[in-house]
N, C-alpha and C. Protein backbone atom coordinates (compact mmCIF):
# COMPACT_ATOMS: atom_id res chain seq x y z
N MET A 1 -41.09 -86.53 18.91
CA MET A 1 -40.38 -86.25 17.31
C MET A 1 -38.95 -86.16 17.49
N ARG A 2 -38.28 -85.05 17.47
CA ARG A 2 -37.61 -84.15 17.19
C ARG A 2 -36.02 -84.75 17.97
N ILE A 3 -36.58 -85.91 19.14
CA ILE A 3 -35.53 -86.42 19.57
C ILE A 3 -35.07 -87.96 18.81
N ARG A 4 -36.31 -88.21 18.12
CA ARG A 4 -36.21 -89.42 18.11
C ARG A 4 -35.53 -88.88 16.15
N PHE A 5 -35.53 -88.11 15.76
CA PHE A 5 -35.05 -87.53 14.14
C PHE A 5 -33.74 -87.19 14.93
N GLY A 6 -33.60 -86.80 15.58
CA GLY A 6 -31.77 -86.20 15.98
C GLY A 6 -31.33 -87.68 16.50
N LEU A 7 -31.73 -88.57 17.06
CA LEU A 7 -31.59 -89.63 17.71
C LEU A 7 -31.02 -90.27 16.27
N TYR A 8 -31.66 -90.72 14.95
CA TYR A 8 -31.53 -91.30 13.79
C TYR A 8 -30.34 -91.14 12.80
N ILE A 9 -30.33 -89.56 13.55
CA ILE A 9 -29.11 -88.70 12.11
C ILE A 9 -28.06 -89.13 13.13
N LEU A 10 -28.27 -88.51 14.22
CA LEU A 10 -26.69 -89.32 15.01
C LEU A 10 -25.94 -90.87 14.79
N LEU A 11 -27.00 -91.72 14.79
CA LEU A 11 -26.60 -92.92 14.24
C LEU A 11 -26.75 -93.13 12.67
N ILE A 12 -26.89 -92.34 12.27
CA ILE A 12 -26.38 -92.43 10.74
C ILE A 12 -24.94 -91.70 10.74
N VAL A 13 -24.73 -90.62 11.39
CA VAL A 13 -23.60 -90.36 11.46
C VAL A 13 -22.12 -90.74 11.81
N LEU A 14 -22.53 -91.71 12.90
CA LEU A 14 -21.69 -92.70 13.75
C LEU A 14 -21.13 -94.01 12.84
N LEU A 15 -22.60 -94.60 11.78
CA LEU A 15 -22.26 -95.42 11.11
C LEU A 15 -21.49 -95.01 9.85
N ALA A 16 -21.60 -93.45 9.55
CA ALA A 16 -20.74 -93.64 8.04
C ALA A 16 -19.12 -93.60 8.65
N SER A 17 -18.67 -93.11 9.77
CA SER A 17 -17.97 -92.88 10.21
C SER A 17 -17.08 -93.93 10.36
N CYS A 18 -17.48 -94.89 10.41
CA CYS A 18 -17.17 -96.54 10.80
C CYS A 18 -16.43 -96.44 9.42
N SER A 19 -15.01 -97.07 9.77
CA SER A 19 -14.39 -97.97 8.63
C SER A 19 -14.84 -99.30 8.21
N LYS A 20 -14.17 -99.39 7.09
CA LYS A 20 -15.06 -100.97 6.36
C LYS A 20 -14.58 -102.00 7.05
N GLU A 21 -13.29 -101.71 8.00
CA GLU A 21 -13.04 -102.74 8.76
C GLU A 21 -13.77 -102.99 9.95
N LYS A 22 -13.77 -101.82 10.40
CA LYS A 22 -14.64 -101.21 11.94
C LYS A 22 -16.08 -102.26 11.88
N VAL A 23 -16.62 -102.15 10.16
CA VAL A 23 -18.04 -102.64 10.15
C VAL A 23 -18.12 -104.04 10.09
N ARG A 24 -16.87 -104.55 9.36
CA ARG A 24 -16.49 -106.21 8.97
C ARG A 24 -17.03 -106.94 9.94
N LYS A 25 -16.25 -106.02 11.53
CA LYS A 25 -15.83 -106.73 12.36
C LYS A 25 -17.06 -106.12 13.69
N ILE A 26 -17.74 -105.86 13.74
CA ILE A 26 -19.00 -105.54 14.27
C ILE A 26 -19.94 -106.45 13.30
N ASN A 27 -20.05 -106.72 12.70
CA ASN A 27 -20.70 -107.61 11.99
C ASN A 27 -20.45 -109.20 12.41
N PHE A 28 -19.06 -109.52 12.36
CA PHE A 28 -18.75 -110.89 12.63
C PHE A 28 -18.56 -110.79 14.46
N TYR A 29 -18.48 -109.88 15.03
CA TYR A 29 -19.21 -110.44 16.21
C TYR A 29 -20.44 -110.25 16.83
N ALA A 30 -21.47 -109.88 15.85
CA ALA A 30 -22.78 -109.59 15.66
C ALA A 30 -23.26 -111.05 15.55
N ASP A 31 -22.67 -111.93 14.39
CA ASP A 31 -23.26 -113.28 14.36
C ASP A 31 -22.57 -114.35 15.12
N ILE A 32 -23.57 -114.82 16.28
CA ILE A 32 -23.18 -115.04 17.64
C ILE A 32 -23.27 -116.66 17.24
N GLU A 33 -23.62 -116.99 16.48
CA GLU A 33 -24.12 -118.28 16.17
C GLU A 33 -23.19 -119.02 15.19
N ASN A 34 -22.41 -118.23 14.56
CA ASN A 34 -21.44 -118.48 14.04
C ASN A 34 -19.46 -117.88 13.89
N SER A 35 -19.82 -117.42 15.13
CA SER A 35 -18.36 -116.81 15.57
C SER A 35 -17.67 -117.76 16.89
N PRO A 36 -16.75 -117.21 16.11
CA PRO A 36 -15.17 -118.37 17.00
C PRO A 36 -15.61 -118.19 18.92
N ASP A 37 -15.23 -119.45 19.37
CA ASP A 37 -15.33 -119.16 20.98
C ASP A 37 -13.92 -118.52 21.66
N ILE A 38 -13.03 -118.67 20.40
CA ILE A 38 -11.94 -117.65 20.99
C ILE A 38 -11.22 -117.15 20.01
N MET A 39 -10.84 -116.07 19.83
CA MET A 39 -10.17 -115.31 18.88
C MET A 39 -8.75 -115.03 19.44
N ILE A 40 -7.66 -115.08 18.24
CA ILE A 40 -6.17 -114.33 18.64
C ILE A 40 -6.15 -113.86 17.49
N GLU A 41 -5.29 -112.43 17.99
CA GLU A 41 -4.75 -112.05 16.57
C GLU A 41 -3.04 -112.03 17.37
N ASN A 42 -2.17 -112.35 16.14
CA ASN A 42 -1.17 -112.62 16.39
C ASN A 42 -0.65 -113.42 17.21
N MET A 43 -0.76 -114.58 16.47
CA MET A 43 -0.66 -115.47 17.54
C MET A 43 0.71 -116.76 17.21
N SER A 44 1.30 -117.00 18.37
CA SER A 44 2.61 -117.89 17.95
C SER A 44 2.46 -119.01 19.21
N SER A 45 2.28 -119.90 18.69
CA SER A 45 2.43 -121.30 19.18
C SER A 45 3.71 -121.95 19.52
N VAL A 46 4.15 -122.71 19.88
CA VAL A 46 4.80 -123.82 20.32
C VAL A 46 3.95 -125.45 20.60
N TYR A 47 4.57 -126.40 19.52
CA TYR A 47 3.08 -127.42 19.18
C TYR A 47 3.98 -128.41 20.00
N LYS A 48 3.84 -129.03 21.06
CA LYS A 48 4.35 -130.43 21.81
C LYS A 48 4.10 -131.89 21.41
N TYR A 49 4.85 -132.74 20.64
CA TYR A 49 4.24 -134.02 20.52
C TYR A 49 5.59 -135.35 21.73
N GLU A 50 5.20 -136.09 22.07
CA GLU A 50 5.69 -136.70 23.41
C GLU A 50 6.45 -135.82 24.09
N ASN A 51 5.75 -135.06 24.70
CA ASN A 51 7.23 -134.24 25.23
C ASN A 51 8.12 -133.30 24.79
N LYS A 52 8.20 -133.43 23.82
CA LYS A 52 8.94 -132.91 23.00
C LYS A 52 8.39 -131.89 22.08
N GLU A 53 9.25 -130.53 21.62
CA GLU A 53 8.94 -129.41 20.79
C GLU A 53 8.79 -129.96 19.25
N ARG A 54 7.72 -129.76 18.35
CA ARG A 54 7.76 -130.53 17.22
C ARG A 54 7.29 -129.66 16.07
N ALA A 55 6.93 -128.60 16.44
CA ALA A 55 6.70 -127.54 15.73
C ALA A 55 6.48 -126.02 16.51
N PHE A 56 6.53 -124.65 15.27
CA PHE A 56 6.51 -123.78 16.00
C PHE A 56 5.58 -123.19 15.09
N ILE A 57 4.20 -122.28 15.34
CA ILE A 57 3.38 -122.05 14.63
C ILE A 57 3.24 -120.21 14.37
N LYS A 58 3.17 -119.72 13.84
CA LYS A 58 2.51 -118.19 13.80
C LYS A 58 1.23 -118.01 12.73
N ALA A 59 0.64 -117.11 13.63
CA ALA A 59 -0.77 -116.61 12.71
C ALA A 59 -0.57 -115.57 13.18
N PRO A 60 -1.28 -114.74 11.93
CA PRO A 60 -2.01 -113.28 11.86
C PRO A 60 -3.33 -113.78 12.66
N ILE A 61 -4.18 -114.48 12.57
CA ILE A 61 -5.25 -115.05 12.97
C ILE A 61 -6.36 -116.44 14.01
N ALA A 62 -5.88 -116.22 14.47
CA ALA A 62 -5.94 -118.00 15.08
C ALA A 62 -7.81 -118.13 15.00
N GLN A 63 -8.74 -118.83 15.01
CA GLN A 63 -9.94 -118.56 15.85
C GLN A 63 -10.47 -120.09 15.76
N TYR A 64 -10.61 -120.30 17.43
CA TYR A 64 -11.12 -121.26 17.40
C TYR A 64 -12.91 -121.75 17.98
N PHE A 65 -13.09 -122.99 17.55
CA PHE A 65 -14.53 -122.93 17.59
C PHE A 65 -15.04 -124.08 18.22
N PHE A 66 -15.17 -124.31 19.11
CA PHE A 66 -15.68 -125.78 19.65
C PHE A 66 -17.26 -125.67 20.68
N LYS A 67 -17.98 -124.50 20.21
CA LYS A 67 -19.82 -124.96 20.17
C LYS A 67 -20.18 -125.95 19.74
N ASP A 68 -19.68 -126.51 18.54
CA ASP A 68 -19.93 -128.32 17.97
C ASP A 68 -18.91 -129.49 18.43
N ARG A 69 -18.91 -129.73 19.73
CA ARG A 69 -18.14 -130.70 20.33
C ARG A 69 -17.81 -131.55 19.24
N THR A 70 -18.98 -132.44 18.05
CA THR A 70 -18.24 -133.39 17.13
C THR A 70 -17.59 -132.67 16.42
N ASN A 71 -17.30 -131.83 16.56
CA ASN A 71 -15.89 -131.04 15.23
C ASN A 71 -15.64 -130.17 16.27
N PRO A 72 -15.15 -130.02 16.86
CA PRO A 72 -14.25 -129.06 17.15
C PRO A 72 -12.56 -128.54 16.26
N LYS A 73 -12.66 -127.58 15.97
CA LYS A 73 -11.62 -126.81 14.90
C LYS A 73 -11.23 -125.80 15.04
N MET A 74 -10.01 -125.41 14.75
CA MET A 74 -9.51 -124.10 14.42
C MET A 74 -8.70 -123.70 13.49
N GLU A 75 -9.21 -122.36 13.31
CA GLU A 75 -9.00 -121.61 11.97
C GLU A 75 -8.11 -120.64 12.02
N PHE A 76 -7.05 -120.79 10.68
CA PHE A 76 -6.81 -119.27 10.58
C PHE A 76 -6.85 -119.02 9.41
N PRO A 77 -7.31 -117.58 9.16
CA PRO A 77 -7.89 -117.42 7.80
C PRO A 77 -7.11 -116.65 6.96
N GLY A 78 -6.41 -116.02 7.84
CA GLY A 78 -5.01 -115.15 7.84
C GLY A 78 -3.61 -116.35 6.73
N GLY A 79 -3.54 -117.00 7.06
CA GLY A 79 -2.82 -118.40 6.82
C GLY A 79 -1.89 -118.30 7.99
N LEU A 80 -1.06 -118.98 7.92
CA LEU A 80 -0.20 -119.31 9.10
C LEU A 80 1.40 -119.78 8.56
N ASP A 81 2.28 -119.86 9.47
CA ASP A 81 3.75 -120.07 8.78
C ASP A 81 4.66 -120.99 10.21
N ALA A 82 4.69 -122.06 9.27
CA ALA A 82 5.40 -123.13 11.11
C ALA A 82 6.48 -124.01 10.03
N VAL A 83 7.45 -123.93 11.16
CA VAL A 83 8.47 -125.10 11.93
C VAL A 83 8.23 -126.15 12.00
N PHE A 84 8.99 -126.82 11.91
CA PHE A 84 8.78 -128.38 12.08
C PHE A 84 10.21 -128.71 13.00
N TYR A 85 10.23 -129.35 13.33
CA TYR A 85 11.22 -130.04 14.10
C TYR A 85 12.05 -131.38 14.62
N ASN A 86 12.95 -131.48 14.35
CA ASN A 86 13.17 -133.56 14.74
C ASN A 86 13.56 -133.51 16.01
N ASP A 87 14.01 -133.99 16.70
CA ASP A 87 14.06 -134.06 17.97
C ASP A 87 15.14 -133.97 18.66
N SER A 88 15.91 -133.15 17.47
CA SER A 88 17.22 -132.66 18.49
C SER A 88 16.74 -131.00 18.25
N LEU A 89 15.88 -130.85 17.62
CA LEU A 89 15.46 -129.30 17.81
C LEU A 89 15.78 -129.12 16.53
N LYS A 90 16.14 -130.07 15.33
CA LYS A 90 16.69 -129.25 14.17
C LYS A 90 15.66 -129.20 13.43
N PRO A 91 15.81 -127.57 12.27
CA PRO A 91 14.07 -127.53 12.17
C PRO A 91 14.56 -128.99 10.52
N ILE A 92 13.75 -129.12 10.64
CA ILE A 92 12.91 -130.04 9.40
C ILE A 92 12.12 -130.11 7.98
N SER A 93 11.62 -129.23 8.50
CA SER A 93 10.91 -128.26 7.61
C SER A 93 9.97 -127.04 7.77
N THR A 94 10.07 -126.53 6.73
CA THR A 94 8.59 -125.00 7.01
C THR A 94 7.65 -125.34 6.03
N ILE A 95 6.38 -124.54 6.70
CA ILE A 95 5.36 -124.47 5.60
C ILE A 95 4.87 -122.83 5.73
N HIS A 96 4.01 -122.68 4.11
CA HIS A 96 3.57 -121.28 4.33
C HIS A 96 2.42 -121.49 3.80
N CYS A 97 0.91 -121.14 4.12
CA CYS A 97 -0.55 -121.29 3.12
C CYS A 97 -1.32 -119.57 3.28
N LYS A 98 -2.03 -119.72 2.94
CA LYS A 98 -3.15 -118.25 3.03
C LYS A 98 -3.87 -118.78 3.83
N TYR A 99 -4.07 -120.10 4.23
CA TYR A 99 -5.60 -120.16 5.53
C TYR A 99 -4.91 -121.85 5.38
N ALA A 100 -5.36 -121.81 6.68
CA ALA A 100 -5.61 -123.52 7.30
C ALA A 100 -6.74 -123.70 8.23
N VAL A 101 -6.90 -124.82 8.54
CA VAL A 101 -8.08 -125.26 9.54
C VAL A 101 -7.64 -126.80 9.62
N TYR A 102 -7.46 -126.88 11.39
CA TYR A 102 -7.17 -127.86 12.37
C TYR A 102 -8.30 -128.36 12.43
N TYR A 103 -8.39 -129.84 12.40
CA TYR A 103 -9.71 -130.54 12.81
C TYR A 103 -9.74 -131.53 14.03
N GLU A 104 -9.65 -130.99 15.14
CA GLU A 104 -8.83 -131.58 16.48
C GLU A 104 -9.01 -133.34 16.28
N LYS A 105 -10.64 -133.52 16.33
CA LYS A 105 -11.08 -135.12 16.67
C LYS A 105 -10.31 -136.01 15.83
N LYS A 106 -10.07 -135.24 14.27
CA LYS A 106 -9.43 -135.80 13.39
C LYS A 106 -7.90 -136.19 13.39
N GLN A 107 -7.16 -135.17 13.99
CA GLN A 107 -5.90 -135.04 13.95
C GLN A 107 -5.38 -134.65 12.75
N LEU A 108 -6.13 -133.33 11.52
CA LEU A 108 -6.19 -133.13 10.48
C LEU A 108 -5.72 -131.74 10.13
N TRP A 109 -4.91 -131.28 10.04
CA TRP A 109 -4.82 -130.02 9.05
C TRP A 109 -4.71 -130.23 7.70
N LYS A 110 -5.78 -128.92 7.18
CA LYS A 110 -5.95 -128.78 5.48
C LYS A 110 -5.11 -127.08 5.43
N LEU A 111 -4.44 -126.81 4.36
CA LEU A 111 -4.43 -125.57 4.38
C LEU A 111 -4.13 -125.70 3.10
N SER A 112 -4.26 -124.28 2.86
CA SER A 112 -4.56 -124.31 1.36
C SER A 112 -4.07 -122.57 0.66
N GLY A 113 -4.33 -122.48 -0.45
CA GLY A 113 -3.86 -120.87 -0.85
C GLY A 113 -2.21 -121.08 -1.04
N ASP A 114 -2.05 -120.85 -1.85
CA ASP A 114 -0.40 -120.82 -2.25
C ASP A 114 0.52 -121.85 -1.06
N VAL A 115 0.19 -122.33 -0.76
CA VAL A 115 1.04 -123.62 0.12
C VAL A 115 2.50 -123.67 -0.71
N VAL A 116 3.18 -123.26 0.59
CA VAL A 116 4.79 -123.81 -0.39
C VAL A 116 5.99 -124.63 1.52
N VAL A 117 5.96 -125.76 1.11
CA VAL A 117 6.71 -125.96 1.93
C VAL A 117 8.77 -126.25 1.58
N THR A 118 9.34 -126.45 2.37
CA THR A 118 10.57 -126.19 2.24
C THR A 118 11.48 -127.49 3.08
N ASN A 119 12.32 -128.21 2.66
CA ASN A 119 12.70 -129.41 3.57
C ASN A 119 14.12 -128.92 3.51
N PRO A 120 15.33 -129.50 4.49
CA PRO A 120 16.29 -129.40 4.86
C PRO A 120 17.51 -129.34 3.73
N GLU A 121 17.05 -130.32 2.66
CA GLU A 121 17.44 -130.39 1.61
C GLU A 121 17.55 -128.98 0.69
N GLY A 122 16.31 -128.21 1.15
CA GLY A 122 16.75 -127.21 0.08
C GLY A 122 15.30 -127.63 -1.08
N SER A 123 14.91 -128.34 -1.21
CA SER A 123 13.42 -128.77 -1.92
C SER A 123 12.07 -128.19 -1.43
N THR A 124 11.55 -127.55 -2.47
CA THR A 124 10.47 -126.84 -2.31
C THR A 124 9.10 -127.36 -2.99
N LEU A 125 8.20 -127.62 -2.54
CA LEU A 125 7.22 -128.10 -2.84
C LEU A 125 5.89 -126.89 -3.00
N ARG A 126 5.02 -127.08 -3.93
CA ARG A 126 4.13 -125.78 -4.31
C ARG A 126 2.85 -126.26 -4.36
N THR A 127 1.68 -126.21 -4.40
CA THR A 127 0.56 -127.04 -4.44
C THR A 127 -0.61 -125.94 -4.07
N GLN A 128 -1.92 -125.98 -3.97
CA GLN A 128 -2.62 -124.99 -3.50
C GLN A 128 -3.70 -125.21 -2.36
N GLU A 129 -3.34 -126.83 -2.32
CA GLU A 129 -4.07 -127.85 -1.08
C GLU A 129 -3.59 -128.82 -0.68
N LEU A 130 -3.05 -128.67 0.71
CA LEU A 130 -2.31 -129.92 1.15
C LEU A 130 -2.93 -130.42 2.67
N TYR A 131 -2.42 -131.70 3.12
CA TYR A 131 -3.27 -132.17 4.25
C TYR A 131 -2.31 -132.53 5.45
N TYR A 132 -2.17 -132.62 6.32
CA TYR A 132 -1.23 -133.30 7.14
C TYR A 132 -2.01 -134.27 8.44
N ASP A 133 -1.71 -135.35 8.24
CA ASP A 133 -2.28 -135.84 9.02
C ASP A 133 -1.67 -136.45 10.61
N GLU A 134 -1.80 -135.80 11.75
CA GLU A 134 -0.64 -136.39 12.41
C GLU A 134 -0.58 -137.83 13.44
N SER A 135 -1.58 -138.82 12.77
CA SER A 135 -2.15 -139.63 13.01
C SER A 135 -1.21 -140.63 12.34
N GLN A 136 -1.01 -140.32 11.57
CA GLN A 136 -0.48 -141.01 10.44
C GLN A 136 0.72 -140.36 10.35
N GLN A 137 1.76 -138.89 10.12
CA GLN A 137 2.81 -138.68 10.43
C GLN A 137 2.72 -138.49 8.57
N THR A 138 1.53 -137.96 7.90
CA THR A 138 2.36 -138.26 6.30
C THR A 138 1.48 -136.80 5.76
N ILE A 139 2.04 -136.37 4.68
CA ILE A 139 1.59 -135.07 4.01
C ILE A 139 1.06 -135.53 2.77
N TYR A 140 0.14 -134.66 2.04
CA TYR A 140 -0.54 -135.31 1.33
C TYR A 140 -1.51 -134.56 0.65
N SER A 141 -1.41 -134.53 -0.94
CA SER A 141 -2.59 -133.32 -1.57
C SER A 141 -3.12 -134.51 -2.85
N ILE A 142 -4.56 -134.17 -3.30
CA ILE A 142 -4.59 -134.94 -4.41
C ILE A 142 -4.87 -133.58 -5.38
N LYS A 143 -4.30 -132.38 -5.10
CA LYS A 143 -4.04 -131.70 -6.35
C LYS A 143 -3.45 -131.28 -7.04
N PHE A 144 -2.55 -130.57 -7.71
CA PHE A 144 -1.38 -130.50 -8.98
C PHE A 144 -0.22 -129.80 -7.38
N VAL A 145 0.95 -130.54 -7.78
CA VAL A 145 1.90 -130.33 -6.90
C VAL A 145 3.06 -130.05 -7.28
N GLU A 146 4.34 -129.18 -7.38
CA GLU A 146 5.22 -129.03 -8.20
C GLU A 146 6.53 -129.16 -7.28
N VAL A 147 7.36 -129.78 -7.29
CA VAL A 147 8.37 -129.82 -6.88
C VAL A 147 9.92 -129.11 -7.44
N THR A 148 10.53 -128.56 -6.75
CA THR A 148 11.68 -128.39 -7.38
C THR A 148 13.12 -128.37 -6.24
N ASP A 149 14.04 -129.08 -6.61
CA ASP A 149 15.21 -129.09 -5.81
C ASP A 149 16.42 -128.07 -6.44
N PRO A 150 17.36 -128.17 -5.26
CA PRO A 150 18.02 -126.64 -5.11
C PRO A 150 19.30 -126.92 -6.60
N LYS A 151 18.69 -128.08 -7.77
CA LYS A 151 19.77 -128.11 -8.76
C LYS A 151 18.45 -127.47 -9.83
N GLY A 152 17.31 -128.00 -9.59
CA GLY A 152 16.27 -126.77 -10.65
C GLY A 152 15.70 -127.91 -11.16
N ASN A 153 15.80 -128.82 -10.93
CA ASN A 153 15.01 -130.10 -11.40
C ASN A 153 13.89 -130.03 -11.05
N ILE A 154 12.51 -130.40 -11.62
CA ILE A 154 10.99 -130.12 -11.55
C ILE A 154 10.35 -131.49 -11.74
N ILE A 155 9.75 -131.92 -10.80
CA ILE A 155 8.73 -132.93 -10.59
C ILE A 155 7.36 -132.37 -10.59
N ARG A 156 6.81 -133.05 -11.06
CA ARG A 156 5.10 -132.37 -11.25
C ARG A 156 4.11 -133.43 -11.05
N GLY A 157 3.08 -133.60 -9.75
CA GLY A 157 2.08 -134.65 -9.89
C GLY A 157 1.20 -134.13 -10.02
N LYS A 158 0.25 -134.15 -11.46
CA LYS A 158 -0.84 -133.94 -11.91
C LYS A 158 -2.09 -133.87 -10.98
N GLY A 159 -1.72 -135.10 -10.28
CA GLY A 159 -2.67 -136.09 -9.66
C GLY A 159 -1.92 -135.86 -7.70
N GLY A 160 -1.62 -135.15 -7.27
CA GLY A 160 -1.22 -134.94 -6.04
C GLY A 160 0.28 -136.18 -5.65
N PHE A 161 0.19 -136.02 -4.42
CA PHE A 161 1.10 -136.66 -3.48
C PHE A 161 1.35 -136.89 -2.17
N THR A 162 2.71 -137.97 -1.86
CA THR A 162 2.02 -138.62 -0.56
C THR A 162 3.58 -137.95 -0.29
N SER A 163 3.90 -137.72 1.23
CA SER A 163 5.29 -138.00 1.83
C SER A 163 4.89 -137.99 3.21
N ASN A 164 6.35 -138.30 3.67
CA ASN A 164 6.21 -138.65 4.95
C ASN A 164 6.67 -136.96 5.79
N MET A 165 6.81 -136.59 6.88
CA MET A 165 6.31 -135.72 7.89
C MET A 165 7.79 -134.82 7.54
N ASP A 166 8.70 -135.23 7.53
CA ASP A 166 10.14 -134.65 6.96
C ASP A 166 10.37 -133.92 5.52
N PHE A 167 9.08 -134.39 4.82
CA PHE A 167 9.23 -134.15 3.23
C PHE A 167 10.78 -134.34 2.51
N THR A 168 11.10 -135.33 3.24
CA THR A 168 12.42 -136.23 2.20
C THR A 168 11.92 -137.41 1.06
N GLU A 169 11.07 -138.33 1.85
CA GLU A 169 10.40 -139.12 0.55
C GLU A 169 8.86 -139.44 0.24
N TYR A 170 9.17 -139.01 -0.60
CA TYR A 170 7.34 -138.71 -1.52
C TYR A 170 7.34 -139.08 -2.71
N GLU A 171 6.05 -139.24 -2.53
CA GLU A 171 5.53 -140.22 -4.08
C GLU A 171 4.54 -139.42 -4.70
N PHE A 172 4.72 -139.19 -6.00
CA PHE A 172 4.17 -138.65 -7.40
C PHE A 172 2.80 -139.89 -7.78
N LYS A 173 2.07 -138.76 -7.71
CA LYS A 173 0.42 -139.48 -9.02
C LYS A 173 1.02 -138.92 -9.99
N ASN A 174 0.59 -139.48 -11.44
CA ASN A 174 0.51 -138.38 -12.37
C ASN A 174 1.55 -137.91 -12.88
N VAL A 175 3.09 -138.00 -12.87
CA VAL A 175 4.29 -137.38 -12.90
C VAL A 175 4.28 -136.97 -14.26
N ASP A 176 5.25 -135.41 -14.36
CA ASP A 176 6.11 -135.18 -15.52
C ASP A 176 6.70 -134.64 -14.77
N GLY A 177 7.91 -133.97 -15.34
CA GLY A 177 9.24 -132.96 -15.10
C GLY A 177 10.01 -132.64 -15.57
N THR A 178 10.93 -132.18 -15.62
CA THR A 178 12.36 -131.50 -16.23
C THR A 178 13.02 -132.44 -15.35
N ILE A 179 14.34 -133.19 -15.62
CA ILE A 179 15.55 -133.08 -14.82
C ILE A 179 16.75 -132.74 -15.35
N TYR A 180 17.55 -131.91 -14.85
CA TYR A 180 18.48 -131.49 -15.56
C TYR A 180 20.48 -131.95 -14.94
N SER A 181 20.37 -132.15 -14.23
CA SER A 181 21.17 -133.63 -13.94
C SER A 181 20.89 -134.82 -14.11
N PHE A 182 21.60 -135.97 -14.52
CA PHE A 182 21.40 -137.07 -13.85
C PHE A 182 22.86 -137.76 -13.72
N LYS A 183 22.72 -138.82 -13.45
CA LYS A 183 23.96 -140.01 -13.42
C LYS A 183 23.64 -140.96 -14.56
N ARG A 184 24.41 -141.23 -15.27
CA ARG A 184 24.16 -142.52 -16.22
C ARG A 184 24.60 -143.52 -15.78
N VAL A 185 23.74 -144.58 -16.00
CA VAL A 185 24.16 -146.32 -15.19
C VAL A 185 23.96 -146.79 -16.38
N GLU A 186 25.01 -147.43 -15.90
CA GLU A 186 25.93 -148.36 -16.96
C GLU A 186 25.35 -150.19 -17.02
N GLN A 187 25.04 -150.93 -17.92
CA GLN A 187 24.74 -152.05 -17.07
C GLN A 187 26.07 -152.83 -17.44
N ALA A 188 26.14 -153.60 -16.32
CA ALA A 188 27.22 -154.53 -17.05
C ALA A 188 27.15 -156.05 -17.83
N GLN A 189 27.71 -156.77 -18.59
CA GLN A 189 27.80 -157.16 -19.50
C GLN A 189 28.25 -158.45 -19.32
């Protein structure tokens, strides 16, 4: 009886000495059914398409879930930063977000949480949710988006937008905005 009581006291002391982060990690790994098959901390990865470097991705945590073979996915619960390149390996756009998931079979990225996209011209897009469809090479959102160009012009798509991968050609839905500089075009009579 004394030994059993002593073990309980020792267990309580050990659990009390664990930090909240350690307890969270222990609980995370104890849930075998929902835990990732692979987890990488401080991940850096080069993405290649047609034998050419297309993107560099950096994330504090990457989790790979392959148990469900009908819908394998990668999650980035700490967000990610990515740089996309053209054929000449020049950066064409950057992306930052607080959370991301990649659905392998659909070839679809879903980014959320303070998503920021920039292009080579210096325009910046901000939204709370963004999708990147690899097969169609398009970026889109159905949420509110705001694009600011280097001159301070602002365009808002209250119903979202669609863009090419370079973020150089885009179409907005339910638009409003502020244009600070424009050229007046006069029609010939």
